[in-house]
């Protein structure tokens, strides 16, 4: 069997989620990529389109925003680089808080995929309910991570 088809070999080569979330380069990638996607999505939604392109313009704009916001949240949750860096914001979440933000970001990112795959199958009500639930759960997880960090920073300002 080819090494790329061997599940055990592929599982061994995957990066650890904890290591990926502890990488400070995620801050730059998340902030720049998230802001860019949200800005493009916002500009695309403002562009005047009529006819058949109106739907696609709105769909692409919404998808870009749905991907850009979680990416921006991942960038904010990433480890803070050195104090002299342009991306030093003073936000330093714990590993558990980073995981909550990452899981919430994944839930929000998967929402447009659920809608795109499920709607053509003829289950629009069920698909919309699942997508809405995923969005709410994802938002709650993201907010939980940042609210936990904020409350810790308020309780012990000398540590942060």
N, C-alpha and C. Protein backbone atom coordinates (compact mmCIF):
# COMPACT_ATOMS: atom_id res chain seq x y z
N UNK A 1 0.84 -1.18 0.00
CA UNK A 1 0.00 0.00 0.00
C UNK A 1 0.89 1.24 0.00
N UNK A 2 0.49 2.22 -0.75
CA UNK A 2 1.24 3.46 -0.83
C UNK A 2 1.24 4.16 0.53
N UNK A 3 2.31 4.83 0.86
CA UNK A 3 2.42 5.48 2.17
C UNK A 3 1.36 6.56 2.37
N UNK A 4 0.92 7.20 1.29
CA UNK A 4 -0.09 8.24 1.41
C UNK A 4 -1.49 7.66 1.63
N UNK A 5 -1.66 6.40 1.34
CA UNK A 5 -2.94 5.73 1.55
C UNK A 5 -2.99 5.01 2.89
N UNK A 6 -1.85 4.89 3.56
CA UNK A 6 -1.79 4.22 4.85
C UNK A 6 -2.24 5.19 5.94
N UNK A 7 -3.35 4.85 6.59
CA UNK A 7 -3.94 5.76 7.59
C UNK A 7 -2.99 5.97 8.76
N UNK A 8 -2.31 4.92 9.19
CA UNK A 8 -1.40 5.04 10.32
C UNK A 8 -0.25 5.99 10.03
N UNK A 9 0.32 5.89 8.83
CA UNK A 9 1.43 6.76 8.45
C UNK A 9 0.96 8.22 8.36
N UNK A 10 -0.20 8.43 7.76
CA UNK A 10 -0.72 9.79 7.63
C UNK A 10 -1.02 10.38 9.00
N UNK A 11 -1.60 9.57 9.90
CA UNK A 11 -1.91 10.06 11.24
C UNK A 11 -0.65 10.43 12.00
N UNK A 12 0.43 9.72 11.78
CA UNK A 12 1.68 10.03 12.46
C UNK A 12 2.31 11.32 11.95
N UNK A 13 2.07 11.67 10.70
CA UNK A 13 2.69 12.85 10.12
C UNK A 13 1.87 14.12 10.32
N UNK A 14 0.64 14.00 10.81
CA UNK A 14 -0.18 15.19 11.04
C UNK A 14 0.39 16.00 12.21
N UNK A 15 0.35 17.31 12.12
CA UNK A 15 0.86 18.11 13.24
C UNK A 15 -0.09 18.03 14.43
N UNK A 16 0.46 18.19 15.61
CA UNK A 16 -0.33 18.20 16.82
C UNK A 16 -1.09 19.52 16.90
N UNK A 17 -2.36 19.46 17.28
CA UNK A 17 -3.17 20.67 17.35
C UNK A 17 -2.60 21.66 18.36
N UNK A 18 -2.09 21.15 19.47
CA UNK A 18 -1.52 22.05 20.48
C UNK A 18 -0.31 22.80 19.93
N UNK A 19 0.53 22.10 19.17
CA UNK A 19 1.70 22.76 18.58
C UNK A 19 1.28 23.81 17.56
N UNK A 20 0.27 23.50 16.77
CA UNK A 20 -0.20 24.45 15.76
C UNK A 20 -0.79 25.69 16.42
N UNK A 21 -1.53 25.52 17.50
CA UNK A 21 -2.14 26.67 18.18
C UNK A 21 -1.12 27.48 18.97
N UNK A 22 0.03 26.91 19.26
CA UNK A 22 1.08 27.62 20.01
C UNK A 22 2.06 28.35 19.09
N UNK A 23 1.87 28.25 17.80
CA UNK A 23 2.78 28.88 16.84
C UNK A 23 2.47 30.37 16.73
N UNK A 24 3.41 31.27 17.06
CA UNK A 24 3.13 32.70 16.98
C UNK A 24 2.92 33.21 15.56
N UNK A 25 3.33 32.43 14.54
CA UNK A 25 3.08 32.87 13.16
C UNK A 25 1.60 32.87 12.83
N UNK A 26 0.81 32.14 13.60
CA UNK A 26 -0.64 32.11 13.40
C UNK A 26 -1.25 33.49 13.63
N UNK A 27 -0.61 34.31 14.48
CA UNK A 27 -1.13 35.65 14.74
C UNK A 27 -1.09 36.49 13.47
N UNK A 28 0.05 36.51 12.79
CA UNK A 28 0.17 37.30 11.55
C UNK A 28 -0.79 36.79 10.49
N UNK A 29 -0.78 35.49 10.28
CA UNK A 29 -1.62 34.88 9.25
C UNK A 29 -3.10 35.13 9.53
N UNK A 30 -3.51 34.96 10.77
CA UNK A 30 -4.91 35.14 11.13
C UNK A 30 -5.38 36.57 11.02
N UNK A 31 -4.57 37.50 11.52
CA UNK A 31 -4.97 38.91 11.47
C UNK A 31 -5.00 39.45 10.05
N UNK A 32 -3.94 39.20 9.30
CA UNK A 32 -3.87 39.72 7.93
C UNK A 32 -4.90 39.03 7.04
N UNK A 33 -4.94 37.70 7.11
CA UNK A 33 -5.88 36.95 6.28
C UNK A 33 -7.33 37.23 6.66
N UNK A 34 -7.62 37.27 7.95
CA UNK A 34 -8.99 37.53 8.40
C UNK A 34 -9.48 38.91 8.01
N UNK A 35 -8.65 39.92 8.23
CA UNK A 35 -9.05 41.28 7.86
C UNK A 35 -9.21 41.40 6.35
N UNK A 36 -8.33 40.78 5.60
CA UNK A 36 -8.43 40.85 4.13
C UNK A 36 -9.71 40.18 3.63
N UNK A 37 -10.03 38.99 4.14
CA UNK A 37 -11.24 38.30 3.69
C UNK A 37 -12.50 39.05 4.09
N UNK A 38 -12.54 39.59 5.30
CA UNK A 38 -13.71 40.35 5.73
C UNK A 38 -13.84 41.62 4.90
N UNK A 39 -12.74 42.29 4.62
CA UNK A 39 -12.79 43.52 3.81
C UNK A 39 -13.26 43.23 2.38
N UNK A 40 -12.73 42.17 1.78
CA UNK A 40 -13.16 41.82 0.42
C UNK A 40 -14.64 41.44 0.41
N UNK A 41 -15.05 40.65 1.41
CA UNK A 41 -16.46 40.27 1.51
C UNK A 41 -17.37 41.47 1.70
N UNK A 42 -16.94 42.41 2.54
CA UNK A 42 -17.75 43.61 2.77
C UNK A 42 -17.84 44.47 1.51
N UNK A 43 -16.72 44.65 0.83
CA UNK A 43 -16.73 45.43 -0.41
C UNK A 43 -17.57 44.75 -1.49
N UNK A 44 -17.48 43.44 -1.56
CA UNK A 44 -18.26 42.70 -2.55
C UNK A 44 -19.76 42.80 -2.26
N UNK A 45 -20.12 42.83 -0.99
CA UNK A 45 -21.54 42.95 -0.66
C UNK A 45 -22.06 44.35 -0.91
N UNK A 46 -21.18 45.33 -0.94
CA UNK A 46 -21.60 46.71 -1.22
C UNK A 46 -21.68 47.01 -2.72
N UNK A 47 -21.03 46.20 -3.52
CA UNK A 47 -21.00 46.44 -4.97
C UNK A 47 -22.41 46.28 -5.55
N UNK A 48 -22.82 47.24 -6.35
CA UNK A 48 -24.16 47.13 -6.94
C UNK A 48 -24.19 46.09 -8.06
N UNK A 49 -24.95 45.04 -7.84
CA UNK A 49 -25.11 44.01 -8.86
C UNK A 49 -26.59 43.74 -9.04
N UNK A 50 -26.95 43.41 -10.26
CA UNK A 50 -28.34 43.09 -10.57
C UNK A 50 -28.39 41.80 -11.38
N UNK A 51 -29.56 41.27 -11.48
CA UNK A 51 -29.75 40.09 -12.31
C UNK A 51 -29.20 38.84 -11.65
N UNK A 52 -28.65 37.96 -12.48
CA UNK A 52 -28.16 36.68 -11.99
C UNK A 52 -26.92 36.81 -11.12
N UNK A 53 -26.17 37.88 -11.25
CA UNK A 53 -24.96 38.04 -10.46
C UNK A 53 -25.22 38.53 -9.04
N UNK A 54 -26.41 39.02 -8.76
CA UNK A 54 -26.72 39.52 -7.42
C UNK A 54 -26.64 38.39 -6.38
N UNK A 55 -27.20 37.24 -6.72
CA UNK A 55 -27.16 36.11 -5.78
C UNK A 55 -25.72 35.66 -5.55
N UNK A 56 -24.96 35.47 -6.61
CA UNK A 56 -23.59 34.97 -6.47
C UNK A 56 -22.70 35.97 -5.75
N UNK A 57 -22.92 37.24 -5.98
CA UNK A 57 -22.14 38.25 -5.28
C UNK A 57 -22.41 38.18 -3.78
N UNK A 58 -23.67 38.06 -3.43
CA UNK A 58 -24.03 37.96 -2.00
C UNK A 58 -23.52 36.66 -1.39
N UNK A 59 -23.62 35.57 -2.13
CA UNK A 59 -23.17 34.28 -1.60
C UNK A 59 -21.66 34.27 -1.38
N UNK A 60 -20.91 34.80 -2.32
CA UNK A 60 -19.45 34.83 -2.17
C UNK A 60 -19.05 35.79 -1.05
N UNK A 61 -19.72 36.93 -0.97
CA UNK A 61 -19.42 37.89 0.10
C UNK A 61 -19.68 37.27 1.47
N UNK A 62 -20.80 36.59 1.62
CA UNK A 62 -21.13 35.96 2.90
C UNK A 62 -20.13 34.86 3.24
N UNK A 63 -19.74 34.08 2.26
CA UNK A 63 -18.78 33.01 2.51
C UNK A 63 -17.42 33.58 2.92
N UNK A 64 -16.98 34.64 2.26
CA UNK A 64 -15.71 35.26 2.64
C UNK A 64 -15.75 35.79 4.07
N UNK A 65 -16.86 36.39 4.46
CA UNK A 65 -16.98 36.90 5.82
C UNK A 65 -17.05 35.74 6.81
N UNK A 66 -17.78 34.67 6.46
CA UNK A 66 -17.89 33.52 7.34
C UNK A 66 -16.56 32.81 7.53
N UNK A 67 -15.65 32.94 6.60
CA UNK A 67 -14.32 32.35 6.74
C UNK A 67 -13.35 33.36 7.37
N UNK A 68 -13.51 34.64 7.04
CA UNK A 68 -12.61 35.68 7.53
C UNK A 68 -12.73 35.95 9.03
N UNK A 69 -13.95 35.95 9.55
CA UNK A 69 -14.13 36.24 10.98
C UNK A 69 -13.50 35.16 11.87
N UNK A 70 -13.74 33.86 11.61
CA UNK A 70 -13.05 32.87 12.44
C UNK A 70 -11.53 32.91 12.29
N UNK A 71 -11.05 33.21 11.09
CA UNK A 71 -9.61 33.32 10.89
C UNK A 71 -9.05 34.48 11.69
N UNK A 72 -9.77 35.58 11.72
CA UNK A 72 -9.37 36.73 12.53
C UNK A 72 -9.37 36.37 14.01
N UNK A 73 -10.36 35.62 14.46
CA UNK A 73 -10.40 35.19 15.86
C UNK A 73 -9.23 34.26 16.19
N UNK A 74 -8.89 33.37 15.27
CA UNK A 74 -7.72 32.51 15.49
C UNK A 74 -6.45 33.35 15.58
N UNK A 75 -6.36 34.38 14.76
CA UNK A 75 -5.20 35.26 14.83
C UNK A 75 -5.11 36.00 16.14
N UNK A 76 -6.25 36.43 16.66
CA UNK A 76 -6.25 37.11 17.96
C UNK A 76 -5.92 36.16 19.09
N UNK A 77 -6.31 34.90 18.95
CA UNK A 77 -6.07 33.91 20.01
C UNK A 77 -4.65 33.35 19.99
N UNK A 78 -3.93 33.54 18.91
CA UNK A 78 -2.57 33.00 18.79
C UNK A 78 -1.65 33.63 19.83
N UNK A 79 -0.55 32.95 20.12
CA UNK A 79 0.39 33.50 21.10
C UNK A 79 0.91 34.87 20.67
N UNK A 80 1.10 35.72 21.66
CA UNK A 80 1.58 37.07 21.41
C UNK A 80 3.06 37.03 21.07
N UNK A 81 3.48 37.67 19.96
CA UNK A 81 4.91 37.72 19.65
C UNK A 81 5.64 38.69 20.58
N UNK A 82 6.91 38.90 20.29
CA UNK A 82 7.72 39.78 21.13
C UNK A 82 7.10 41.17 21.21
N UNK A 83 7.35 41.90 22.31
CA UNK A 83 6.75 43.23 22.48
C UNK A 83 7.07 44.23 21.38
N UNK A 84 8.15 44.11 20.67
CA UNK A 84 8.48 45.05 19.61
C UNK A 84 7.80 44.78 18.28
N UNK A 85 7.13 43.67 18.18
CA UNK A 85 6.52 43.25 16.92
C UNK A 85 5.28 44.09 16.60
N UNK A 86 5.00 44.22 15.32
CA UNK A 86 3.82 44.93 14.86
C UNK A 86 2.54 44.22 15.30
N UNK A 87 2.60 42.91 15.49
CA UNK A 87 1.42 42.13 15.83
C UNK A 87 1.30 41.85 17.33
N UNK A 88 2.07 42.54 18.15
CA UNK A 88 1.97 42.39 19.60
C UNK A 88 0.76 43.18 20.08
N UNK A 89 -0.26 42.46 20.58
CA UNK A 89 -1.48 43.12 21.02
C UNK A 89 -1.72 43.00 22.51
N UNK A 90 -0.94 42.16 23.20
CA UNK A 90 -1.13 41.98 24.63
C UNK A 90 -2.18 40.94 24.97
N UNK A 91 -2.69 40.23 23.98
CA UNK A 91 -3.68 39.17 24.21
C UNK A 91 -2.92 37.86 24.27
N UNK A 92 -2.98 37.18 25.42
CA UNK A 92 -2.27 35.92 25.58
C UNK A 92 -3.19 34.91 26.25
N UNK A 93 -3.88 34.11 25.45
CA UNK A 93 -4.81 33.12 25.94
C UNK A 93 -4.08 31.86 26.39
N UNK A 94 -4.71 31.12 27.29
CA UNK A 94 -4.15 29.83 27.70
C UNK A 94 -4.43 28.81 26.60
N UNK A 95 -3.85 27.62 26.75
CA UNK A 95 -4.03 26.57 25.76
C UNK A 95 -5.50 26.16 25.67
N UNK A 96 -6.18 26.04 26.80
CA UNK A 96 -7.60 25.67 26.80
C UNK A 96 -8.44 26.74 26.12
N UNK A 97 -8.14 27.99 26.37
CA UNK A 97 -8.88 29.08 25.73
C UNK A 97 -8.62 29.09 24.23
N UNK A 98 -7.38 28.82 23.81
CA UNK A 98 -7.06 28.76 22.39
C UNK A 98 -7.82 27.62 21.71
N UNK A 99 -7.91 26.49 22.39
CA UNK A 99 -8.65 25.36 21.82
C UNK A 99 -10.13 25.68 21.68
N UNK A 100 -10.70 26.39 22.65
CA UNK A 100 -12.11 26.78 22.55
C UNK A 100 -12.32 27.70 21.36
N UNK A 101 -11.42 28.65 21.16
CA UNK A 101 -11.54 29.56 20.02
C UNK A 101 -11.35 28.80 18.71
N UNK A 102 -10.41 27.87 18.68
CA UNK A 102 -10.19 27.08 17.45
C UNK A 102 -11.39 26.21 17.12
N UNK A 103 -11.98 25.58 18.12
CA UNK A 103 -13.15 24.74 17.88
C UNK A 103 -14.34 25.59 17.44
N UNK A 104 -14.51 26.75 18.05
CA UNK A 104 -15.58 27.66 17.63
C UNK A 104 -15.37 28.17 16.22
N UNK A 105 -14.13 28.47 15.88
CA UNK A 105 -13.82 28.91 14.52
C UNK A 105 -14.11 27.82 13.51
N UNK A 106 -13.80 26.59 13.86
CA UNK A 106 -14.10 25.47 12.97
C UNK A 106 -15.61 25.31 12.77
N UNK A 107 -16.37 25.44 13.84
CA UNK A 107 -17.84 25.35 13.72
C UNK A 107 -18.39 26.42 12.79
N UNK A 108 -17.92 27.64 12.93
CA UNK A 108 -18.42 28.72 12.09
C UNK A 108 -17.97 28.54 10.65
N UNK A 109 -16.75 28.07 10.44
CA UNK A 109 -16.25 27.88 9.09
C UNK A 109 -16.99 26.78 8.35
N UNK A 110 -17.42 25.76 9.06
CA UNK A 110 -18.12 24.63 8.44
C UNK A 110 -19.57 24.99 8.10
N UNK A 111 -20.12 26.01 8.71
CA UNK A 111 -21.52 26.37 8.50
C UNK A 111 -21.88 26.60 7.03
N UNK A 112 -21.15 27.41 6.25
CA UNK A 112 -21.52 27.58 4.84
C UNK A 112 -21.40 26.28 4.05
N UNK A 113 -20.47 25.42 4.47
CA UNK A 113 -20.32 24.14 3.78
C UNK A 113 -21.54 23.27 4.02
N UNK A 114 -22.05 23.27 5.25
CA UNK A 114 -23.26 22.50 5.56
C UNK A 114 -24.43 23.00 4.73
N UNK A 115 -24.56 24.30 4.60
CA UNK A 115 -25.66 24.86 3.81
C UNK A 115 -25.48 24.52 2.34
N UNK A 116 -24.27 24.65 1.82
CA UNK A 116 -24.03 24.39 0.40
C UNK A 116 -24.24 22.93 0.04
N UNK A 117 -23.89 22.03 0.94
CA UNK A 117 -24.04 20.60 0.66
C UNK A 117 -25.46 20.12 0.96
N UNK A 118 -26.04 20.62 2.03
CA UNK A 118 -27.34 20.11 2.47
C UNK A 118 -28.54 20.65 1.73
N UNK A 119 -28.50 21.87 1.28
CA UNK A 119 -29.66 22.46 0.64
C UNK A 119 -30.05 21.74 -0.66
N UNK A 120 -29.12 21.38 -1.53
CA UNK A 120 -29.53 20.66 -2.74
C UNK A 120 -30.12 19.27 -2.47
N UNK A 121 -29.90 18.74 -1.27
CA UNK A 121 -30.44 17.43 -0.94
C UNK A 121 -31.92 17.46 -0.61
N UNK A 122 -32.51 18.65 -0.51
CA UNK A 122 -33.94 18.78 -0.28
C UNK A 122 -34.35 18.83 1.18
N UNK A 123 -33.44 19.16 2.06
CA UNK A 123 -33.76 19.27 3.48
C UNK A 123 -33.47 20.69 3.99
N UNK A 124 -34.08 21.70 3.41
CA UNK A 124 -33.67 23.07 3.77
C UNK A 124 -33.93 23.43 5.22
N UNK A 125 -35.03 22.99 5.81
CA UNK A 125 -35.31 23.36 7.19
C UNK A 125 -34.32 22.71 8.14
N UNK A 126 -34.07 21.43 7.95
CA UNK A 126 -33.12 20.73 8.80
C UNK A 126 -31.70 21.28 8.62
N UNK A 127 -31.33 21.55 7.40
CA UNK A 127 -29.99 22.08 7.12
C UNK A 127 -29.82 23.45 7.75
N UNK A 128 -30.80 24.30 7.62
CA UNK A 128 -30.70 25.63 8.23
C UNK A 128 -30.66 25.55 9.75
N UNK A 129 -31.39 24.63 10.34
CA UNK A 129 -31.35 24.46 11.79
C UNK A 129 -29.98 23.98 12.25
N UNK A 130 -29.40 23.04 11.53
CA UNK A 130 -28.06 22.54 11.87
C UNK A 130 -27.03 23.66 11.70
N UNK A 131 -27.12 24.39 10.60
CA UNK A 131 -26.16 25.47 10.35
C UNK A 131 -26.28 26.58 11.39
N UNK A 132 -27.50 26.93 11.74
CA UNK A 132 -27.70 27.97 12.76
C UNK A 132 -27.16 27.52 14.12
N UNK A 133 -27.40 26.26 14.45
CA UNK A 133 -26.88 25.72 15.71
C UNK A 133 -25.36 25.73 15.73
N UNK A 134 -24.76 25.33 14.61
CA UNK A 134 -23.29 25.34 14.54
C UNK A 134 -22.74 26.75 14.68
N UNK A 135 -23.39 27.70 14.06
CA UNK A 135 -22.92 29.10 14.16
C UNK A 135 -23.03 29.61 15.58
N UNK A 136 -24.13 29.31 16.24
CA UNK A 136 -24.32 29.79 17.62
C UNK A 136 -23.31 29.11 18.54
N UNK A 137 -23.15 27.81 18.42
CA UNK A 137 -22.18 27.10 19.27
C UNK A 137 -20.77 27.61 19.01
N UNK A 138 -20.42 27.82 17.75
CA UNK A 138 -19.10 28.36 17.42
C UNK A 138 -18.87 29.74 18.01
N UNK A 139 -19.87 30.60 17.89
CA UNK A 139 -19.76 31.95 18.46
C UNK A 139 -19.61 31.91 19.97
N UNK A 140 -20.38 31.03 20.61
CA UNK A 140 -20.29 30.91 22.07
C UNK A 140 -18.90 30.42 22.48
N UNK A 141 -18.36 29.46 21.75
CA UNK A 141 -17.02 28.96 22.09
C UNK A 141 -15.96 30.05 21.92
N UNK A 142 -16.05 30.80 20.84
CA UNK A 142 -15.08 31.88 20.62
C UNK A 142 -15.19 32.92 21.72
N UNK A 143 -16.41 33.33 22.02
CA UNK A 143 -16.60 34.32 23.08
C UNK A 143 -16.17 33.79 24.44
N UNK A 144 -16.39 32.51 24.69
CA UNK A 144 -15.98 31.92 25.97
C UNK A 144 -14.47 32.02 26.14
N UNK A 145 -13.72 31.73 25.09
CA UNK A 145 -12.26 31.84 25.18
C UNK A 145 -11.80 33.25 25.49
N UNK A 146 -12.37 34.22 24.80
CA UNK A 146 -11.93 35.60 25.01
C UNK A 146 -12.47 36.19 26.31
N UNK A 147 -13.69 35.83 26.71
CA UNK A 147 -14.24 36.33 27.98
C UNK A 147 -13.47 35.75 29.15
N UNK A 148 -13.07 34.48 29.05
CA UNK A 148 -12.26 33.87 30.12
C UNK A 148 -10.93 34.60 30.26
N UNK A 149 -10.29 34.94 29.14
CA UNK A 149 -9.02 35.66 29.21
C UNK A 149 -9.24 37.05 29.79
N UNK A 150 -10.30 37.73 29.36
CA UNK A 150 -10.58 39.08 29.84
C UNK A 150 -10.85 39.08 31.34
N UNK A 151 -11.64 38.12 31.81
CA UNK A 151 -11.92 38.08 33.25
C UNK A 151 -10.66 37.76 34.05
N UNK A 152 -9.79 36.92 33.52
CA UNK A 152 -8.53 36.64 34.21
C UNK A 152 -7.63 37.88 34.22
N UNK A 153 -7.64 38.63 33.12
CA UNK A 153 -6.83 39.85 33.04
C UNK A 153 -7.35 40.92 34.00
N UNK A 154 -8.64 40.97 34.18
CA UNK A 154 -9.23 41.95 35.12
C UNK A 154 -8.96 41.53 36.55
N UNK A 155 -9.06 40.22 36.83
CA UNK A 155 -8.85 39.73 38.19
C UNK A 155 -7.41 39.86 38.64
N UNK A 156 -6.47 39.62 37.74
CA UNK A 156 -5.04 39.70 38.08
C UNK A 156 -4.32 40.56 37.04
N UNK A 157 -4.44 41.87 37.11
CA UNK A 157 -3.82 42.72 36.08
C UNK A 157 -2.30 42.66 36.07
N UNK A 158 -1.68 42.25 37.15
CA UNK A 158 -0.21 42.22 37.18
C UNK A 158 0.34 41.10 36.31
N UNK A 159 -0.43 40.04 36.08
CA UNK A 159 0.03 38.93 35.24
C UNK A 159 -0.10 39.24 33.77
N UNK A 160 -0.96 40.14 33.39
CA UNK A 160 -1.24 40.38 31.96
C UNK A 160 -0.73 41.70 31.56
